[in-house]
Amino acid sequence: MKIVAAKTVENETGNDIETVVVPRAQFDYLGRVGNEMNPAMPMAFAGAHVIRTLLERFEESGIDLTEATSEQELTQIAARGMRQRGRERHRTRD
């Protein structure tokens, strides 16, 4: 997956715009995962649904991915945040 800087867009709706470029093989995989999540969903929407779900879960988790400037950095930040959350959950169970 590649993160691509979007062109400057006037913010008329109050929504931020992000552009994500996904290679065909990864998009096909996301389509299969989306189909497993919801078999009734048309395949044209399945990959986008998985991406949106992942982004929503990261937003809900409080893991800030906005500082990432590359795929590698994005992966490192996400993994670090998930490990930290796992440790915190483990501590609260003890």
N, C-alpha and C. Protein backbone atom coordinates (compact mmCIF):
# COMPACT_ATOMS: atom_id res chain seq x y z
N MET A 1 0.85 -1.16 0.00
CA MET A 1 0.00 0.00 0.00
C MET A 1 0.90 1.22 0.00
N LYS A 2 0.51 2.24 -0.73
CA LYS A 2 1.27 3.48 -0.78
C LYS A 2 0.39 4.62 -0.30
N ILE A 3 0.98 5.54 0.41
CA ILE A 3 0.28 6.75 0.82
C ILE A 3 0.68 7.84 -0.15
N VAL A 4 -0.31 8.49 -0.72
CA VAL A 4 -0.07 9.51 -1.72
C VAL A 4 -0.60 10.84 -1.19
N ALA A 5 0.21 11.86 -1.27
CA ALA A 5 -0.25 13.18 -0.83
C ALA A 5 -1.33 13.67 -1.78
N ALA A 6 -2.46 14.06 -1.23
CA ALA A 6 -3.56 14.57 -2.04
C ALA A 6 -3.27 15.99 -2.46
N LYS A 7 -3.87 16.41 -3.57
CA LYS A 7 -3.76 17.79 -4.00
C LYS A 7 -4.47 18.66 -2.97
N THR A 8 -4.09 19.91 -2.92
CA THR A 8 -4.75 20.83 -2.00
C THR A 8 -6.21 20.95 -2.42
N VAL A 9 -7.10 20.74 -1.47
CA VAL A 9 -8.53 20.80 -1.74
C VAL A 9 -9.16 21.72 -0.72
N GLU A 10 -10.00 22.61 -1.18
CA GLU A 10 -10.71 23.49 -0.26
C GLU A 10 -11.64 22.65 0.59
N ASN A 11 -11.63 22.86 1.87
CA ASN A 11 -12.41 22.06 2.81
C ASN A 11 -13.80 22.67 2.98
N GLU A 12 -14.69 22.36 2.02
CA GLU A 12 -16.03 22.91 2.06
C GLU A 12 -16.97 22.08 2.93
N THR A 13 -16.70 20.77 3.05
CA THR A 13 -17.63 19.90 3.76
C THR A 13 -17.18 19.62 5.19
N GLY A 14 -15.99 20.01 5.55
CA GLY A 14 -15.50 19.72 6.89
C GLY A 14 -14.89 18.34 7.01
N ASN A 15 -14.82 17.57 5.93
CA ASN A 15 -14.22 16.23 5.94
C ASN A 15 -12.81 16.31 5.37
N ASP A 16 -11.90 15.59 6.00
CA ASP A 16 -10.55 15.50 5.46
C ASP A 16 -10.55 14.51 4.31
N ILE A 17 -9.68 14.72 3.35
CA ILE A 17 -9.59 13.82 2.20
C ILE A 17 -8.24 13.13 2.24
N GLU A 18 -8.24 11.81 2.14
CA GLU A 18 -7.02 11.02 2.10
C GLU A 18 -7.06 10.18 0.83
N THR A 19 -5.91 10.00 0.22
CA THR A 19 -5.81 9.16 -0.96
C THR A 19 -4.93 7.97 -0.63
N VAL A 20 -5.43 6.78 -0.88
CA VAL A 20 -4.68 5.55 -0.62
C VAL A 20 -4.60 4.79 -1.94
N VAL A 21 -3.39 4.43 -2.33
CA VAL A 21 -3.19 3.64 -3.54
C VAL A 21 -2.89 2.21 -3.10
N VAL A 22 -3.70 1.28 -3.56
CA VAL A 22 -3.56 -0.12 -3.17
C VAL A 22 -3.27 -0.95 -4.42
N PRO A 23 -2.16 -1.72 -4.42
CA PRO A 23 -1.87 -2.58 -5.57
C PRO A 23 -3.00 -3.60 -5.78
N ARG A 24 -3.17 -4.02 -7.01
CA ARG A 24 -4.26 -4.92 -7.40
C ARG A 24 -4.31 -6.18 -6.53
N ALA A 25 -3.16 -6.80 -6.28
CA ALA A 25 -3.15 -8.04 -5.48
C ALA A 25 -3.67 -7.79 -4.07
N GLN A 26 -3.27 -6.66 -3.46
CA GLN A 26 -3.75 -6.34 -2.12
C GLN A 26 -5.24 -6.00 -2.15
N PHE A 27 -5.69 -5.31 -3.20
CA PHE A 27 -7.10 -4.97 -3.29
C PHE A 27 -7.95 -6.24 -3.46
N ASP A 28 -7.45 -7.20 -4.24
CA ASP A 28 -8.16 -8.48 -4.38
C ASP A 28 -8.26 -9.18 -3.03
N TYR A 29 -7.17 -9.15 -2.26
CA TYR A 29 -7.18 -9.75 -0.93
C TYR A 29 -8.21 -9.04 -0.04
N LEU A 30 -8.21 -7.71 -0.07
CA LEU A 30 -9.18 -6.95 0.72
C LEU A 30 -10.61 -7.29 0.30
N GLY A 31 -10.82 -7.52 -0.99
CA GLY A 31 -12.13 -7.91 -1.47
C GLY A 31 -12.56 -9.24 -0.89
N ARG A 32 -11.63 -10.19 -0.81
CA ARG A 32 -11.96 -11.51 -0.22
C ARG A 32 -12.26 -11.37 1.27
N VAL A 33 -11.46 -10.55 1.97
CA VAL A 33 -11.71 -10.34 3.40
C VAL A 33 -13.07 -9.67 3.59
N GLY A 34 -13.37 -8.67 2.76
CA GLY A 34 -14.65 -7.99 2.84
C GLY A 34 -15.80 -8.94 2.59
N ASN A 35 -15.62 -9.86 1.66
CA ASN A 35 -16.66 -10.85 1.38
C ASN A 35 -16.87 -11.76 2.57
N GLU A 36 -15.79 -12.11 3.28
CA GLU A 36 -15.91 -12.94 4.49
C GLU A 36 -16.62 -12.17 5.60
N MET A 37 -16.38 -10.86 5.67
CA MET A 37 -17.03 -10.03 6.69
C MET A 37 -18.52 -9.91 6.42
N ASN A 38 -18.87 -9.75 5.15
CA ASN A 38 -20.27 -9.56 4.77
C ASN A 38 -20.49 -10.12 3.37
N PRO A 39 -20.88 -11.40 3.26
CA PRO A 39 -21.04 -12.03 1.95
C PRO A 39 -22.07 -11.35 1.06
N ALA A 40 -23.01 -10.61 1.64
CA ALA A 40 -24.05 -9.95 0.84
C ALA A 40 -23.55 -8.67 0.18
N MET A 41 -22.38 -8.20 0.58
CA MET A 41 -21.85 -6.95 0.04
C MET A 41 -21.33 -7.17 -1.38
N PRO A 42 -21.67 -6.26 -2.30
CA PRO A 42 -21.12 -6.37 -3.66
C PRO A 42 -19.60 -6.27 -3.63
N MET A 43 -18.92 -7.06 -4.44
CA MET A 43 -17.46 -7.07 -4.47
C MET A 43 -16.87 -5.70 -4.77
N ALA A 44 -17.58 -4.87 -5.51
CA ALA A 44 -17.07 -3.54 -5.85
C ALA A 44 -16.86 -2.68 -4.61
N PHE A 45 -17.56 -2.97 -3.54
CA PHE A 45 -17.45 -2.18 -2.32
C PHE A 45 -16.64 -2.87 -1.23
N ALA A 46 -16.35 -4.15 -1.38
CA ALA A 46 -15.74 -4.94 -0.30
C ALA A 46 -14.38 -4.41 0.12
N GLY A 47 -13.48 -4.14 -0.82
CA GLY A 47 -12.15 -3.64 -0.48
C GLY A 47 -12.21 -2.30 0.22
N ALA A 48 -13.04 -1.41 -0.31
CA ALA A 48 -13.19 -0.10 0.31
C ALA A 48 -13.78 -0.22 1.71
N HIS A 49 -14.69 -1.17 1.91
CA HIS A 49 -15.28 -1.38 3.22
C HIS A 49 -14.23 -1.83 4.23
N VAL A 50 -13.34 -2.73 3.82
CA VAL A 50 -12.28 -3.20 4.72
C VAL A 50 -11.35 -2.05 5.08
N ILE A 51 -10.95 -1.26 4.10
CA ILE A 51 -10.07 -0.12 4.35
C ILE A 51 -10.74 0.85 5.32
N ARG A 52 -12.00 1.18 5.07
CA ARG A 52 -12.72 2.11 5.95
C ARG A 52 -12.81 1.54 7.37
N THR A 53 -13.10 0.24 7.49
CA THR A 53 -13.21 -0.40 8.80
C THR A 53 -11.88 -0.33 9.54
N LEU A 54 -10.78 -0.62 8.84
CA LEU A 54 -9.45 -0.54 9.47
C LEU A 54 -9.16 0.88 9.96
N LEU A 55 -9.43 1.86 9.11
CA LEU A 55 -9.18 3.25 9.49
C LEU A 55 -10.05 3.68 10.67
N GLU A 56 -11.31 3.24 10.67
CA GLU A 56 -12.20 3.57 11.79
C GLU A 56 -11.69 2.94 13.08
N ARG A 57 -11.23 1.69 13.01
CA ARG A 57 -10.73 1.02 14.22
C ARG A 57 -9.49 1.72 14.75
N PHE A 58 -8.61 2.16 13.85
CA PHE A 58 -7.42 2.89 14.31
C PHE A 58 -7.83 4.22 14.93
N GLU A 59 -8.79 4.90 14.34
CA GLU A 59 -9.25 6.16 14.91
C GLU A 59 -9.84 5.94 16.30
N GLU A 60 -10.66 4.90 16.45
CA GLU A 60 -11.26 4.59 17.74
C GLU A 60 -10.21 4.19 18.77
N SER A 61 -9.12 3.60 18.32
CA SER A 61 -8.08 3.13 19.24
C SER A 61 -7.24 4.26 19.80
N GLY A 62 -7.27 5.39 19.13
CA GLY A 62 -6.44 6.51 19.58
C GLY A 62 -5.02 6.44 19.04
N ILE A 63 -4.71 5.47 18.20
CA ILE A 63 -3.38 5.37 17.60
C ILE A 63 -3.30 6.40 16.48
N ASP A 64 -2.39 7.34 16.59
CA ASP A 64 -2.27 8.44 15.64
C ASP A 64 -1.35 8.04 14.49
N LEU A 65 -1.93 7.87 13.31
CA LEU A 65 -1.16 7.48 12.14
C LEU A 65 -0.81 8.67 11.25
N THR A 66 -1.18 9.87 11.66
CA THR A 66 -1.03 11.03 10.78
C THR A 66 0.42 11.45 10.54
N GLU A 67 1.33 11.03 11.40
CA GLU A 67 2.73 11.42 11.23
C GLU A 67 3.49 10.51 10.26
N ALA A 68 2.87 9.42 9.83
CA ALA A 68 3.55 8.49 8.93
C ALA A 68 3.77 9.13 7.57
N THR A 69 4.99 8.96 7.04
CA THR A 69 5.30 9.51 5.72
C THR A 69 5.58 8.42 4.70
N SER A 70 5.51 7.16 5.14
CA SER A 70 5.75 6.05 4.22
C SER A 70 4.97 4.83 4.71
N GLU A 71 4.88 3.84 3.86
CA GLU A 71 4.21 2.59 4.25
C GLU A 71 4.93 1.94 5.43
N GLN A 72 6.25 1.97 5.40
CA GLN A 72 7.03 1.37 6.48
C GLN A 72 6.76 2.09 7.80
N GLU A 73 6.76 3.41 7.78
CA GLU A 73 6.47 4.18 9.00
C GLU A 73 5.06 3.90 9.49
N LEU A 74 4.11 3.84 8.58
CA LEU A 74 2.72 3.56 8.95
C LEU A 74 2.62 2.22 9.66
N THR A 75 3.29 1.22 9.11
CA THR A 75 3.29 -0.11 9.70
C THR A 75 3.93 -0.10 11.09
N GLN A 76 5.05 0.60 11.22
CA GLN A 76 5.74 0.67 12.51
C GLN A 76 4.90 1.37 13.57
N ILE A 77 4.29 2.49 13.21
CA ILE A 77 3.46 3.23 14.16
C ILE A 77 2.26 2.40 14.59
N ALA A 78 1.61 1.77 13.61
CA ALA A 78 0.43 0.95 13.92
C ALA A 78 0.81 -0.24 14.81
N ALA A 79 1.89 -0.93 14.47
CA ALA A 79 2.30 -2.09 15.27
C ALA A 79 2.69 -1.68 16.68
N ARG A 80 3.42 -0.57 16.81
CA ARG A 80 3.82 -0.09 18.13
C ARG A 80 2.58 0.25 18.97
N GLY A 81 1.63 0.94 18.36
CA GLY A 81 0.41 1.31 19.08
C GLY A 81 -0.41 0.10 19.49
N MET A 82 -0.49 -0.89 18.63
CA MET A 82 -1.25 -2.10 18.96
C MET A 82 -0.56 -2.89 20.06
N ARG A 83 0.77 -2.98 20.03
CA ARG A 83 1.50 -3.66 21.11
C ARG A 83 1.28 -2.96 22.44
N GLN A 84 1.36 -1.63 22.41
CA GLN A 84 1.17 -0.86 23.64
C GLN A 84 -0.24 -1.06 24.19
N ARG A 85 -1.23 -1.05 23.34
CA ARG A 85 -2.62 -1.27 23.80
C ARG A 85 -2.77 -2.67 24.37
N GLY A 86 -2.12 -3.65 23.74
CA GLY A 86 -2.18 -5.02 24.24
C GLY A 86 -1.58 -5.14 25.63
N ARG A 87 -0.44 -4.48 25.84
CA ARG A 87 0.19 -4.50 27.16
C ARG A 87 -0.70 -3.82 28.20
N GLU A 88 -1.32 -2.70 27.82
CA GLU A 88 -2.20 -2.00 28.76
C GLU A 88 -3.41 -2.85 29.13
N ARG A 89 -3.99 -3.53 28.14
CA ARG A 89 -5.13 -4.40 28.43
C ARG A 89 -4.71 -5.56 29.32
N HIS A 90 -3.52 -6.10 29.08
CA HIS A 90 -3.02 -7.22 29.88
C HIS A 90 -2.84 -6.78 31.34
N ARG A 91 -2.30 -5.57 31.55
CA ARG A 91 -2.09 -5.04 32.90
C ARG A 91 -3.40 -4.83 33.64
N THR A 92 -4.44 -4.39 32.93
CA THR A 92 -5.71 -4.12 33.61
C THR A 92 -6.43 -5.40 33.98
N ARG A 93 -6.11 -6.53 33.33
CA ARG A 93 -6.73 -7.81 33.67
C ARG A 93 -6.08 -8.44 34.90
N ASP A 94 -4.82 -8.13 35.14
CA ASP A 94 -4.10 -8.73 36.27
C ASP A 94 -4.52 -8.17 37.59
